[in-house]
């Protein structure tokens, strides 16, 4: 997502990603910043998130398809995205 003049994410989509683009983007992003993939937490809901779930340290399938649930570290059904925070390992909420 693009950022505005103050450096905040705008929420606009600047590019479409397929399932393999997501994983490659995260790999490149983390490599550039020295973040180990084992420290990455991903949230997704469908088949297109499965390759990403396979490379990160922890993953949550949110209101997801059966295939995404099977590939994720854990899953949750909720209408409140903030419920995902309690599933982040090591995060005190």
PDB file of N, CA and C in Angstrom:
ATOM      1  N   UNK A   1       0.834  -1.175   0.000  1.00  0.00           N
ATOM      2  CA  UNK A   1       0.000   0.000   0.000  1.00  0.00           C
ATOM      3  C   UNK A   1       0.881   1.242   0.000  1.00  0.00           C
ATOM      4  N   UNK A   2       0.453   2.247  -0.678  1.00  0.00           N
ATOM      5  CA  UNK A   2       1.223   3.499  -0.683  1.00  0.00           C
ATOM      6  C   UNK A   2       1.080   4.243   0.644  1.00  0.00           C
ATOM      7  N   UNK A   3       2.033   5.131   0.889  1.00  0.00           N
ATOM      8  CA  UNK A   3       1.992   5.973   2.079  1.00  0.00           C
ATOM      9  C   UNK A   3       1.744   7.417   1.669  1.00  0.00           C
ATOM     10  N   UNK A   4       1.183   8.180   2.594  1.00  0.00           N
ATOM     11  CA  UNK A   4       0.945   9.596   2.316  1.00  0.00           C
ATOM     12  C   UNK A   4       2.193  10.411   2.661  1.00  0.00           C
ATOM     13  N   UNK A   5       2.093  11.746   2.566  1.00  0.00           N
ATOM     14  CA  UNK A   5       3.244  12.618   2.798  1.00  0.00           C
ATOM     15  C   UNK A   5       3.777  12.552   4.227  1.00  0.00           C
ATOM     16  N   UNK A   6       2.954  12.080   5.162  1.00  0.00           N
ATOM     17  CA  UNK A   6       3.413  11.948   6.550  1.00  0.00           C
ATOM     18  C   UNK A   6       3.960  10.551   6.855  1.00  0.00           C
ATOM     19  N   UNK A   7       3.961   9.681   5.840  1.00  0.00           N
ATOM     20  CA  UNK A   7       4.503   8.341   6.018  1.00  0.00           C
ATOM     21  C   UNK A   7       3.498   7.310   6.497  1.00  0.00           C
ATOM     22  N   UNK A   8       2.221   7.672   6.553  1.00  0.00           N
ATOM     23  CA  UNK A   8       1.183   6.740   6.990  1.00  0.00           C
ATOM     24  C   UNK A   8       0.594   6.000   5.795  1.00  0.00           C
ATOM     25  N   UNK A   9       0.233   4.738   6.010  1.00  0.00           N
ATOM     26  CA  UNK A   9      -0.407   3.972   4.946  1.00  0.00           C
ATOM     27  C   UNK A   9      -1.726   4.622   4.558  1.00  0.00           C
ATOM     28  N   UNK A  10      -1.983   4.696   3.254  1.00  0.00           N
ATOM     29  CA  UNK A  10      -3.199   5.348   2.776  1.00  0.00           C
ATOM     30  C   UNK A  10      -4.405   4.420   2.759  1.00  0.00           C
ATOM     31  N   UNK A  11      -4.169   3.125   2.728  1.00  0.00           N
ATOM     32  CA  UNK A  11      -5.264   2.170   2.625  1.00  0.00           C
ATOM     33  C   UNK A  11      -5.647   1.877   1.186  1.00  0.00           C
ATOM     34  N   UNK A  12      -5.026   2.554   0.232  1.00  0.00           N
ATOM     35  CA  UNK A  12      -5.292   2.317  -1.179  1.00  0.00           C
ATOM     36  C   UNK A  12      -4.454   1.133  -1.663  1.00  0.00           C
ATOM     37  N   UNK A  13      -5.001   0.397  -2.594  1.00  0.00           N
ATOM     38  CA  UNK A  13      -4.288  -0.740  -3.171  1.00  0.00           C
ATOM     39  C   UNK A  13      -3.485  -0.232  -4.358  1.00  0.00           C
ATOM     40  N   UNK A  14      -2.170  -0.473  -4.302  1.00  0.00           N
ATOM     41  CA  UNK A  14      -1.328  -0.012  -5.405  1.00  0.00           C
ATOM     42  C   UNK A  14      -0.964  -1.142  -6.360  1.00  0.00           C
ATOM     43  N   UNK A  15      -1.221  -2.371  -5.955  1.00  0.00           N
ATOM     44  CA  UNK A  15      -0.854  -3.514  -6.783  1.00  0.00           C
ATOM     45  C   UNK A  15      -1.646  -4.735  -6.335  1.00  0.00           C
ATOM     46  N   UNK A  16      -2.038  -5.567  -7.269  1.00  0.00           N
ATOM     47  CA  UNK A  16      -2.704  -6.823  -6.957  1.00  0.00           C
ATOM     48  C   UNK A  16      -1.654  -7.918  -6.803  1.00  0.00           C
ATOM     49  N   UNK A  17      -1.828  -8.799  -5.840  1.00  0.00           N
ATOM     50  CA  UNK A  17      -0.903  -9.891  -5.577  1.00  0.00           C
ATOM     51  C   UNK A  17      -1.608 -11.221  -5.775  1.00  0.00           C
ATOM     52  N   UNK A  18      -0.930 -12.165  -6.433  1.00  0.00           N
ATOM     53  CA  UNK A  18      -1.456 -13.522  -6.424  1.00  0.00           C
ATOM     54  C   UNK A  18      -0.844 -14.237  -5.227  1.00  0.00           C
ATOM     55  N   UNK A  19      -1.175 -15.511  -5.048  1.00  0.00           N
ATOM     56  CA  UNK A  19      -0.725 -16.220  -3.853  1.00  0.00           C
ATOM     57  C   UNK A  19       0.796 -16.303  -3.732  1.00  0.00           C
ATOM     58  N   UNK A  20       1.495 -16.365  -4.857  1.00  0.00           N
ATOM     59  CA  UNK A  20       2.952 -16.464  -4.798  1.00  0.00           C
ATOM     60  C   UNK A  20       3.596 -15.090  -4.645  1.00  0.00           C
ATOM     61  N   UNK A  21       2.962 -14.067  -5.181  1.00  0.00           N
ATOM     62  CA  UNK A  21       3.460 -12.697  -5.012  1.00  0.00           C
ATOM     63  C   UNK A  21       3.471 -12.294  -3.539  1.00  0.00           C
ATOM     64  N   UNK A  22       2.452 -12.719  -2.788  1.00  0.00           N
ATOM     65  CA  UNK A  22       2.385 -12.360  -1.366  1.00  0.00           C
ATOM     66  C   UNK A  22       3.612 -12.881  -0.631  1.00  0.00           C
ATOM     67  N   UNK A  23       3.909 -14.145  -0.819  1.00  0.00           N
ATOM     68  CA  UNK A  23       5.056 -14.750  -0.131  1.00  0.00           C
ATOM     69  C   UNK A  23       6.362 -14.107  -0.575  1.00  0.00           C
ATOM     70  N   UNK A  24       6.526 -13.858  -1.850  1.00  0.00           N
ATOM     71  CA  UNK A  24       7.749 -13.239  -2.354  1.00  0.00           C
ATOM     72  C   UNK A  24       7.902 -11.810  -1.852  1.00  0.00           C
ATOM     73  N   UNK A  25       6.806 -11.073  -1.796  1.00  0.00           N
ATOM     74  CA  UNK A  25       6.850  -9.713  -1.267  1.00  0.00           C
ATOM     75  C   UNK A  25       7.309  -9.713   0.193  1.00  0.00           C
ATOM     76  N   UNK A  26       6.731 -10.598   0.996  1.00  0.00           N
ATOM     77  CA  UNK A  26       7.089 -10.655   2.411  1.00  0.00           C
ATOM     78  C   UNK A  26       8.552 -11.071   2.575  1.00  0.00           C
ATOM     79  N   UNK A  27       9.010 -12.040   1.795  1.00  0.00           N
ATOM     80  CA  UNK A  27      10.421 -12.447   1.857  1.00  0.00           C
ATOM     81  C   UNK A  27      11.343 -11.265   1.567  1.00  0.00           C
ATOM     82  N   UNK A  28      11.073 -10.547   0.480  1.00  0.00           N
ATOM     83  CA  UNK A  28      11.914  -9.415   0.082  1.00  0.00           C
ATOM     84  C   UNK A  28      11.846  -8.293   1.115  1.00  0.00           C
ATOM     85  N   UNK A  29      10.661  -8.001   1.608  1.00  0.00           N
ATOM     86  CA  UNK A  29      10.467  -6.947   2.603  1.00  0.00           C
ATOM     87  C   UNK A  29      11.287  -7.251   3.857  1.00  0.00           C
ATOM     88  N   UNK A  30      11.198  -8.485   4.319  1.00  0.00           N
ATOM     89  CA  UNK A  30      11.903  -8.879   5.540  1.00  0.00           C
ATOM     90  C   UNK A  30      13.413  -8.915   5.325  1.00  0.00           C
ATOM     91  N   UNK A  31      13.854  -9.418   4.192  1.00  0.00           N
ATOM     92  CA  UNK A  31      15.283  -9.466   3.897  1.00  0.00           C
ATOM     93  C   UNK A  31      15.876  -8.065   3.911  1.00  0.00           C
ATOM     94  N   UNK A  32      15.193  -7.128   3.276  1.00  0.00           N
ATOM     95  CA  UNK A  32      15.668  -5.746   3.197  1.00  0.00           C
ATOM     96  C   UNK A  32      15.786  -5.105   4.577  1.00  0.00           C
ATOM     97  N   UNK A  33      14.941  -5.520   5.501  1.00  0.00           N
ATOM     98  CA  UNK A  33      14.900  -4.905   6.823  1.00  0.00           C
ATOM     99  C   UNK A  33      15.534  -5.763   7.915  1.00  0.00           C
ATOM    100  N   UNK A  34      16.066  -6.914   7.530  1.00  0.00           N
ATOM    101  CA  UNK A  34      16.715  -7.790   8.505  1.00  0.00           C
ATOM    102  C   UNK A  34      15.763  -8.462   9.472  1.00  0.00           C
ATOM    103  N   UNK A  35      14.540  -8.690   9.043  1.00  0.00           N
ATOM    104  CA  UNK A  35      13.540  -9.338   9.897  1.00  0.00           C
ATOM    105  C   UNK A  35      13.486 -10.828   9.544  1.00  0.00           C
ATOM    106  N   UNK A  36      13.746 -11.701  10.501  1.00  0.00           N
ATOM    107  CA  UNK A  36      13.658 -13.131  10.211  1.00  0.00           C
ATOM    108  C   UNK A  36      12.208 -13.541   9.934  1.00  0.00           C
ATOM    109  N   UNK A  37      12.006 -14.367   8.938  1.00  0.00           N
ATOM    110  CA  UNK A  37      10.648 -14.824   8.619  1.00  0.00           C
ATOM    111  C   UNK A  37      10.018 -15.542   9.801  1.00  0.00           C
ATOM    112  N   UNK A  38      10.835 -16.134  10.651  1.00  0.00           N
ATOM    113  CA  UNK A  38      10.313 -16.820  11.832  1.00  0.00           C
ATOM    114  C   UNK A  38       9.628 -15.850  12.801  1.00  0.00           C
ATOM    115  N   UNK A  39       9.882 -14.561  12.646  1.00  0.00           N
ATOM    116  CA  UNK A  39       9.284 -13.543  13.506  1.00  0.00           C
ATOM    117  C   UNK A  39       8.073 -12.865  12.872  1.00  0.00           C
ATOM    118  N   UNK A  40       7.675 -13.333  11.703  1.00  0.00           N
ATOM    119  CA  UNK A  40       6.556 -12.722  10.978  1.00  0.00           C
ATOM    120  C   UNK A  40       5.254 -13.431  11.332  1.00  0.00           C
ATOM    121  N   UNK A  41       4.221 -12.629  11.517  1.00  0.00           N
ATOM    122  CA  UNK A  41       2.873 -13.090  11.837  1.00  0.00           C
ATOM    123  C   UNK A  41       1.969 -12.694  10.684  1.00  0.00           C
ATOM    124  N   UNK A  42       1.290 -13.666  10.068  1.00  0.00           N
ATOM    125  CA  UNK A  42       0.435 -13.378   8.912  1.00  0.00           C
ATOM    126  C   UNK A  42      -1.020 -13.734   9.219  1.00  0.00           C
ATOM    127  N   UNK A  43      -1.918 -12.957   8.642  1.00  0.00           N
ATOM    128  CA  UNK A  43      -3.355 -13.201   8.763  1.00  0.00           C
ATOM    129  C   UNK A  43      -3.922 -13.291   7.354  1.00  0.00           C
ATOM    130  N   UNK A  44      -4.733 -14.300   7.104  1.00  0.00           N
ATOM    131  CA  UNK A  44      -5.342 -14.449   5.794  1.00  0.00           C
ATOM    132  C   UNK A  44      -6.610 -15.265   5.879  1.00  0.00           C
ATOM    133  N   UNK A  45      -7.259 -15.425   4.712  1.00  0.00           N
ATOM    134  CA  UNK A  45      -8.551 -16.109   4.729  1.00  0.00           C
ATOM    135  C   UNK A  45      -8.793 -17.104   3.607  1.00  0.00           C
ATOM    136  N   UNK A  46      -7.840 -17.232   2.683  1.00  0.00           N
ATOM    137  CA  UNK A  46      -8.161 -18.077   1.535  1.00  0.00           C
ATOM    138  C   UNK A  46      -6.938 -18.744   0.928  1.00  0.00           C
ATOM    139  N   UNK A  47      -7.179 -19.460  -0.143  1.00  0.00           N
ATOM    140  CA  UNK A  47      -6.143 -20.191  -0.870  1.00  0.00           C
ATOM    141  C   UNK A  47      -4.950 -19.317  -1.205  1.00  0.00           C
ATOM    142  N   UNK A  48      -5.191 -18.060  -1.496  1.00  0.00           N
ATOM    143  CA  UNK A  48      -4.095 -17.182  -1.892  1.00  0.00           C
ATOM    144  C   UNK A  48      -3.146 -16.853  -0.732  1.00  0.00           C
ATOM    145  N   UNK A  49      -3.507 -17.200   0.476  1.00  0.00           N
ATOM    146  CA  UNK A  49      -2.642 -16.951   1.627  1.00  0.00           C
ATOM    147  C   UNK A  49      -1.806 -18.172   2.023  1.00  0.00           C
ATOM    148  N   UNK A  50      -2.088 -19.319   1.457  1.00  0.00           N
ATOM    149  CA  UNK A  50      -1.424 -20.559   1.857  1.00  0.00           C
ATOM    150  C   UNK A  50       0.098 -20.520   1.653  1.00  0.00           C
ATOM    151  N   UNK A  51       0.630 -20.074   0.511  1.00  0.00           N
ATOM    152  CA  UNK A  51       2.094 -20.002   0.403  1.00  0.00           C
ATOM    153  C   UNK A  51       2.722 -19.070   1.445  1.00  0.00           C
ATOM    154  N   UNK A  52       2.063 -17.974   1.755  1.00  0.00           N
ATOM    155  CA  UNK A  52       2.562 -17.063   2.785  1.00  0.00           C
ATOM    156  C   UNK A  52       2.561 -17.750   4.142  1.00  0.00           C
ATOM    157  N   UNK A  53       1.498 -18.440   4.464  1.00  0.00           N
ATOM    158  CA  UNK A  53       1.428 -19.170   5.732  1.00  0.00           C
ATOM    159  C   UNK A  53       2.594 -20.148   5.862  1.00  0.00           C
ATOM    160  N   UNK A  54       3.041 -20.687   4.744  1.00  0.00           N
ATOM    161  CA  UNK A  54       4.111 -21.676   4.756  1.00  0.00           C
ATOM    162  C   UNK A  54       5.494 -21.114   5.041  1.00  0.00           C
ATOM    163  N   UNK A  55       5.691 -19.810   4.919  1.00  0.00           N
ATOM    164  CA  UNK A  55       7.034 -19.245   5.113  1.00  0.00           C
ATOM    165  C   UNK A  55       7.183 -18.419   6.375  1.00  0.00           C
ATOM    166  N   UNK A  56       6.077 -18.059   7.014  1.00  0.00           N
ATOM    167  CA  UNK A  56       6.161 -17.206   8.196  1.00  0.00           C
ATOM    168  C   UNK A  56       6.179 -18.038   9.477  1.00  0.00           C
ATOM    169  N   UNK A  57       6.562 -17.379  10.555  1.00  0.00           N
ATOM    170  CA  UNK A  57       6.655 -18.066  11.829  1.00  0.00           C
ATOM    171  C   UNK A  57       5.323 -18.463  12.422  1.00  0.00           C
ATOM    172  N   UNK A  58       4.286 -17.663  12.181  1.00  0.00           N
ATOM    173  CA  UNK A  58       2.976 -17.942  12.763  1.00  0.00           C
ATOM    174  C   UNK A  58       1.909 -17.358  11.850  1.00  0.00           C
ATOM    175  N   UNK A  59       0.812 -18.068  11.729  1.00  0.00           N
ATOM    176  CA  UNK A  59      -0.246 -17.599  10.832  1.00  0.00           C
ATOM    177  C   UNK A  59      -1.622 -17.871  11.424  1.00  0.00           C
ATOM    178  N   UNK A  60      -2.547 -16.971  11.116  1.00  0.00           N
ATOM    179  CA  UNK A  60      -3.927 -17.094  11.569  1.00  0.00           C
ATOM    180  C   UNK A  60      -4.843 -17.049  10.361  1.00  0.00           C
ATOM    181  N   UNK A  61      -5.700 -18.042  10.271  1.00  0.00           N
ATOM    182  CA  UNK A  61      -6.752 -18.053   9.258  1.00  0.00           C
ATOM    183  C   UNK A  61      -7.970 -17.375   9.882  1.00  0.00           C
ATOM    184  N   UNK A  62      -8.360 -16.254   9.323  1.00  0.00           N
ATOM    185  CA  UNK A  62      -9.453 -15.435   9.860  1.00  0.00           C
ATOM    186  C   UNK A  62     -10.701 -15.606   9.002  1.00  0.00           C
ATOM    187  N   UNK A  63     -11.762 -16.178   9.599  1.00  0.00           N
ATOM    188  CA  UNK A  63     -13.009 -16.413   8.852  1.00  0.00           C
ATOM    189  C   UNK A  63     -12.682 -17.065   7.509  1.00  0.00           C
ATOM    190  N   UNK A  64     -11.887 -18.097   7.564  1.00  0.00           N
ATOM    191  CA  UNK A  64     -11.214 -18.613   6.380  1.00  0.00           C
ATOM    192  C   UNK A  64     -11.855 -19.861   5.777  1.00  0.00           C
ATOM    193  N   UNK A  65     -11.367 -20.148   4.586  1.00  0.00           N
ATOM    194  CA  UNK A  65     -11.746 -21.374   3.899  1.00  0.00           C
ATOM    195  C   UNK A  65     -11.122 -22.565   4.618  1.00  0.00           C
ATOM    196  N   UNK A  66     -11.660 -23.757   4.418  1.00  0.00           N
ATOM    197  CA  UNK A  66     -11.059 -24.946   5.042  1.00  0.00           C
ATOM    198  C   UNK A  66      -9.588 -25.140   4.671  1.00  0.00           C
ATOM    199  N   UNK A  67      -9.218 -24.865   3.435  1.00  0.00           N
ATOM    200  CA  UNK A  67      -7.821 -25.034   3.018  1.00  0.00           C
ATOM    201  C   UNK A  67      -6.903 -24.060   3.747  1.00  0.00           C
ATOM    202  N   UNK A  68      -7.330 -22.828   3.909  1.00  0.00           N
ATOM    203  CA  UNK A  68      -6.521 -21.842   4.633  1.00  0.00           C
ATOM    204  C   UNK A  68      -6.411 -22.227   6.102  1.00  0.00           C
ATOM    205  N   UNK A  69      -7.500 -22.690   6.690  1.00  0.00           N
ATOM    206  CA  UNK A  69      -7.457 -23.126   8.087  1.00  0.00           C
ATOM    207  C   UNK A  69      -6.457 -24.263   8.268  1.00  0.00           C
ATOM    208  N   UNK A  70      -6.443 -25.204   7.337  1.00  0.00           N
ATOM    209  CA  UNK A  70      -5.539 -26.350   7.436  1.00  0.00           C
ATOM    210  C   UNK A  70      -4.074 -25.925   7.329  1.00  0.00           C
ATOM    211  N   UNK A  71      -3.798 -24.869   6.587  1.00  0.00           N
ATOM    212  CA  UNK A  71      -2.423 -24.412   6.378  1.00  0.00           C
ATOM    213  C   UNK A  71      -1.922 -23.477   7.468  1.00  0.00           C
ATOM    214  N   UNK A  72      -2.824 -22.862   8.212  1.00  0.00           N
ATOM    215  CA  UNK A  72      -2.456 -21.860   9.216  1.00  0.00           C
ATOM    216  C   UNK A  72      -2.063 -22.499  10.541  1.00  0.00           C
ATOM    217  N   UNK A  73      -1.340 -21.729  11.335  1.00  0.00           N
ATOM    218  CA  UNK A  73      -0.974 -22.179  12.684  1.00  0.00           C
ATOM    219  C   UNK A  73      -2.208 -22.329  13.557  1.00  0.00           C
ATOM    220  N   UNK A  74      -3.166 -21.417  13.369  1.00  0.00           N
ATOM    221  CA  UNK A  74      -4.422 -21.452  14.112  1.00  0.00           C
ATOM    222  C   UNK A  74      -5.479 -20.720  13.294  1.00  0.00           C
ATOM    223  N   UNK A  75      -6.715 -20.790  13.744  1.00  0.00           N
ATOM    224  CA  UNK A  75      -7.781 -20.068  13.032  1.00  0.00           C
ATOM    225  C   UNK A  75      -8.754 -19.480  14.039  1.00  0.00           C
ATOM    226  N   UNK A  76      -9.517 -18.511  13.551  1.00  0.00           N
ATOM    227  CA  UNK A  76     -10.502 -17.828  14.389  1.00  0.00           C
ATOM    228  C   UNK A  76     -11.666 -17.383  13.510  1.00  0.00           C
ATOM    229  N   UNK A  77     -12.843 -17.438  14.085  1.00  0.00           N
ATOM    230  CA  UNK A  77     -14.051 -16.920  13.448  1.00  0.00           C
ATOM    231  C   UNK A  77     -14.502 -15.737  14.294  1.00  0.00           C
ATOM    232  N   UNK A  78     -14.546 -14.556  13.697  1.00  0.00           N
ATOM    233  CA  UNK A  78     -14.922 -13.370  14.455  1.00  0.00           C
ATOM    234  C   UNK A  78     -15.324 -12.247  13.512  1.00  0.00           C
ATOM    235  N   UNK A  79     -16.093 -11.303  14.044  1.00  0.00           N
ATOM    236  CA  UNK A  79     -16.441 -10.089  13.314  1.00  0.00           C
ATOM    237  C   UNK A  79     -15.542  -8.928  13.718  1.00  0.00           C
ATOM    238  N   UNK A  80     -14.649  -9.173  14.670  1.00  0.00           N
ATOM    239  CA  UNK A  80     -13.789  -8.121  15.211  1.00  0.00           C
ATOM    240  C   UNK A  80     -12.327  -8.462  14.916  1.00  0.00           C
ATOM    241  N   UNK A  81     -11.717  -7.750  13.985  1.00  0.00           N
ATOM    242  CA  UNK A  81     -10.339  -8.014  13.593  1.00  0.00           C
ATOM    243  C   UNK A  81      -9.379  -7.934  14.776  1.00  0.00           C
ATOM    244  N   UNK A  82      -9.669  -7.108  15.750  1.00  0.00           N
ATOM    245  CA  UNK A  82      -8.772  -6.988  16.903  1.00  0.00           C
ATOM    246  C   UNK A  82      -8.700  -8.281  17.721  1.00  0.00           C
ATOM    247  N   UNK A  83      -9.639  -9.190  17.532  1.00  0.00           N
ATOM    248  CA  UNK A  83      -9.580 -10.485  18.213  1.00  0.00           C
ATOM    249  C   UNK A  83      -8.331 -11.276  17.813  1.00  0.00           C
ATOM    250  N   UNK A  84      -7.807 -10.982  16.646  1.00  0.00           N
ATOM    251  CA  UNK A  84      -6.599 -11.660  16.176  1.00  0.00           C
ATOM    252  C   UNK A  84      -5.419 -11.350  17.085  1.00  0.00           C
ATOM    253  N   UNK A  85      -5.388 -10.178  17.674  1.00  0.00           N
ATOM    254  CA  UNK A  85      -4.255  -9.760  18.502  1.00  0.00           C
ATOM    255  C   UNK A  85      -3.987 -10.716  19.656  1.00  0.00           C
ATOM    256  N   UNK A  86      -5.033 -11.287  20.229  1.00  0.00           N
ATOM    257  CA  UNK A  86      -4.820 -12.202  21.354  1.00  0.00           C
ATOM    258  C   UNK A  86      -4.160 -13.505  20.921  1.00  0.00           C
ATOM    259  N   UNK A  87      -4.085 -13.749  19.635  1.00  0.00           N
ATOM    260  CA  UNK A  87      -3.457 -14.961  19.114  1.00  0.00           C
ATOM    261  C   UNK A  87      -1.986 -14.773  18.763  1.00  0.00           C
ATOM    262  N   UNK A  88      -1.508 -13.529  18.779  1.00  0.00           N
ATOM    263  CA  UNK A  88      -0.116 -13.252  18.428  1.00  0.00           C
ATOM    264  C   UNK A  88       0.785 -13.764  19.550  1.00  0.00           C
ATOM    265  N   UNK A  89       1.644 -14.736  19.271  1.00  0.00           N
ATOM    266  CA  UNK A  89       2.529 -15.245  20.328  1.00  0.00           C
ATOM    267  C   UNK A  89       3.400 -14.138  20.914  1.00  0.00           C
ATOM    268  N   UNK A  90       3.428 -14.063  22.238  1.00  0.00           N
ATOM    269  CA  UNK A  90       4.274 -13.098  22.921  1.00  0.00           C
ATOM    270  C   UNK A  90       3.704 -11.707  23.041  1.00  0.00           C
ATOM    271  N   UNK A  91       2.567 -11.451  22.434  1.00  0.00           N
ATOM    272  CA  UNK A  91       1.963 -10.116  22.524  1.00  0.00           C
ATOM    273  C   UNK A  91       1.064 -10.040  23.741  1.00  0.00           C
ATOM    274  N   UNK A  92       1.310  -9.063  24.572  1.00  0.00           N
ATOM    275  CA  UNK A  92       0.476  -8.877  25.755  1.00  0.00           C
ATOM    276  C   UNK A  92      -0.598  -7.879  25.393  1.00  0.00           C
ATOM    277  N   UNK A  93      -1.833  -8.252  25.622  1.00  0.00           N
ATOM    278  CA  UNK A  93      -2.951  -7.371  25.261  1.00  0.00           C
ATOM    279  C   UNK A  93      -3.735  -7.021  26.474  1.00  0.00           C
TER     280      UNK A  93
END
